[in-house]
Amino acid sequence: MAVTTNGEFNIIDFTALTELFPRIPTLLGSLGLFDESFFGTSTIAQVERVEDQIDSINAQARNGDRQFAGRESVIQRNFNIPFFPLDAKFSAQDIQDLKEYGKTDTPMSMQSRMDRTRSRIAKSHAVLREKRDMPL
């Protein structure tokens, strides 16, 4: 922070502290209730559910009708796995004539732009994960 003294007064530059960031909800993520799963590169997850049952055995007369065991029931479901790409594209022309935020006479560098964009994408993914974990 730059401090400027003008006689008896000191002026402190709080420009860097006034940059607004979106709120990232982290309550559910911090509880540790959810875990990351890796489904590979497939776009469909196949889930099978086998439900076995108990057969009723009734008394029968000898040489009478026979009883037969039943079978399990199987349910197979396909679920689409969502894919959330988030890319950024910029070139030297995008930062040409831009100055660094909160600084005078300091041109913005490509590395600074890349760091800010990378940070923005990471925050966006964090918000998306938190929304995913919220119960409906």
Protein backbone atom coordinates (compact mmCIF):
# COMPACT_ATOMS: atom_id res chain seq x y z
CA MET A 1 0.00 0.00 0.00
CA ALA A 2 1.32 3.39 -0.95
CA VAL A 3 1.36 6.03 1.77
CA THR A 4 1.42 9.67 0.78
CA THR A 5 2.15 12.35 3.35
CA ASN A 6 0.73 15.81 2.83
CA GLY A 7 1.62 18.00 5.75
CA GLU A 8 -0.12 16.58 8.81
CA PHE A 9 -2.20 14.09 6.84
CA ASN A 10 -1.29 10.61 5.61
CA ILE A 11 -3.14 9.20 2.64
CA ILE A 12 -3.16 5.41 2.31
CA ASP A 13 -4.03 3.81 -1.02
CA PHE A 14 -6.51 0.96 -0.48
CA THR A 15 -7.13 0.35 -4.18
CA ALA A 16 -5.81 -3.23 -4.05
CA LEU A 17 -8.19 -4.05 -1.19
CA THR A 18 -11.33 -2.91 -3.00
CA GLU A 19 -11.26 -5.60 -5.67
CA LEU A 20 -14.49 -7.55 -5.40
CA PHE A 21 -14.54 -11.34 -5.53
CA PRO A 22 -17.67 -13.48 -5.70
CA ARG A 23 -18.57 -15.38 -2.55
CA ILE A 24 -17.57 -19.04 -2.74
CA PRO A 25 -19.85 -21.17 -0.56
CA THR A 26 -17.77 -23.78 1.27
CA LEU A 27 -19.99 -24.99 4.12
CA LEU A 28 -20.97 -28.32 2.57
CA GLY A 29 -17.51 -28.94 1.18
CA SER A 30 -15.91 -28.36 4.56
CA LEU A 31 -18.15 -30.94 6.25
CA GLY A 32 -16.42 -33.77 4.35
CA LEU A 33 -19.69 -35.45 3.35
CA PHE A 34 -18.88 -35.78 -0.33
CA ASP A 35 -16.00 -37.36 -2.17
CA GLU A 36 -14.62 -36.91 -5.66
CA SER A 37 -15.20 -39.75 -8.10
CA PHE A 38 -13.35 -40.39 -11.31
CA PHE A 39 -15.42 -41.97 -14.07
CA GLY A 40 -12.70 -41.92 -16.70
CA THR A 41 -13.34 -40.25 -20.00
CA SER A 42 -16.69 -41.92 -20.67
CA THR A 43 -19.83 -39.87 -21.02
CA ILE A 44 -22.13 -42.61 -19.70
CA ALA A 45 -22.06 -44.40 -16.35
CA GLN A 46 -23.77 -47.78 -16.21
CA VAL A 47 -25.27 -48.80 -12.89
CA GLU A 48 -26.78 -52.22 -12.22
CA ARG A 49 -28.97 -53.12 -9.29
CA VAL A 50 -29.64 -56.75 -8.45
CA GLU A 51 -32.55 -57.44 -6.13
CA ASP A 52 -32.63 -60.95 -4.74
CA GLN A 53 -35.77 -62.28 -3.13
CA ILE A 54 -36.76 -65.02 -0.73
CA ASP A 55 -38.96 -67.81 -2.09
CA SER A 56 -41.95 -69.03 -0.16
CA ILE A 57 -41.84 -72.79 0.48
CA ASN A 58 -45.27 -74.23 1.14
CA ALA A 59 -46.07 -77.76 2.23
CA GLN A 60 -47.16 -80.06 -0.60
CA ALA A 61 -48.52 -83.56 -0.77
CA ARG A 62 -46.02 -86.18 -1.84
CA ASN A 63 -46.04 -86.74 -5.59
CA GLY A 64 -47.98 -83.44 -5.91
CA ASP A 65 -47.12 -80.26 -7.80
CA ARG A 66 -43.55 -79.14 -7.45
CA GLN A 67 -42.40 -75.70 -6.35
CA PHE A 68 -39.67 -73.84 -8.17
CA ALA A 69 -37.26 -71.21 -7.01
CA GLY A 70 -37.67 -67.74 -8.46
CA ARG A 71 -35.00 -65.52 -9.97
CA GLU A 72 -33.44 -62.26 -9.01
CA SER A 73 -34.56 -59.09 -10.71
CA VAL A 74 -31.96 -56.87 -12.34
CA ILE A 75 -32.32 -53.21 -13.19
CA GLN A 76 -29.74 -51.53 -15.38
CA ARG A 77 -29.64 -47.74 -15.79
CA ASN A 78 -27.42 -45.50 -17.89
CA PHE A 79 -26.59 -42.07 -16.51
CA ASN A 80 -25.04 -39.28 -18.54
CA ILE A 81 -21.93 -37.93 -16.84
CA PRO A 82 -21.87 -34.15 -17.14
CA PHE A 83 -18.77 -32.48 -18.50
CA PHE A 84 -18.09 -28.88 -17.57
CA PRO A 85 -15.39 -27.33 -19.76
CA LEU A 86 -14.35 -23.77 -19.02
CA ASP A 87 -11.67 -22.33 -21.23
CA ALA A 88 -10.11 -18.92 -21.62
CA LYS A 89 -8.50 -17.52 -24.70
CA PHE A 90 -6.59 -14.29 -24.99
CA SER A 91 -3.70 -12.92 -26.92
CA ALA A 92 -1.17 -10.12 -26.61
CA GLN A 93 -3.67 -7.78 -28.27
CA ASP A 94 -6.08 -8.34 -25.37
CA ILE A 95 -3.65 -6.86 -22.85
CA GLN A 96 -2.04 -4.28 -25.05
CA ASP A 97 -2.57 -0.80 -23.59
CA LEU A 98 -3.97 -2.25 -20.33
CA LYS A 99 -2.41 -1.27 -17.06
CA GLU A 100 -2.09 -3.44 -13.97
CA TYR A 101 -5.15 -3.03 -11.76
CA GLY A 102 -4.62 -0.69 -8.84
CA LYS A 103 -1.21 0.48 -10.07
CA THR A 104 -0.37 3.51 -12.09
CA ASP A 105 1.93 3.37 -15.09
CA THR A 106 2.51 -0.38 -14.79
CA PRO A 107 1.53 -2.26 -17.94
CA MET A 108 -0.28 -5.56 -17.49
CA SER A 109 1.85 -8.56 -18.31
CA MET A 110 0.66 -11.71 -20.04
CA GLN A 111 1.66 -13.72 -16.96
CA SER A 112 -0.51 -11.52 -14.75
CA ARG A 113 -3.47 -12.00 -17.10
CA MET A 114 -2.93 -15.78 -17.14
CA ASP A 115 -2.68 -15.93 -13.33
CA ARG A 116 -5.90 -13.94 -12.91
CA THR A 117 -7.73 -16.13 -15.44
CA ARG A 118 -6.43 -19.35 -13.86
CA SER A 119 -7.58 -18.11 -10.45
CA ARG A 120 -11.00 -17.21 -11.86
CA ILE A 121 -11.43 -20.67 -13.40
CA ALA A 122 -10.41 -22.37 -10.13
CA LYS A 123 -12.96 -20.29 -8.21
CA SER A 124 -15.66 -21.08 -10.78
CA HIS A 125 -14.96 -24.80 -10.40
CA ALA A 126 -15.10 -24.48 -6.61
CA VAL A 127 -18.54 -22.84 -6.82
CA LEU A 128 -19.75 -25.49 -9.26
CA ARG A 129 -18.57 -28.30 -6.95
CA GLU A 130 -20.35 -26.68 -4.02
CA LYS A 131 -23.58 -26.34 -6.03
CA ARG A 132 -23.27 -29.97 -7.11
CA ASP A 133 -23.00 -31.12 -3.50
CA MET A 134 -26.01 -29.15 -2.28
CA PRO A 135 -29.13 -31.26 -1.72
CA LEU A 136 -32.15 -30.32 -3.81
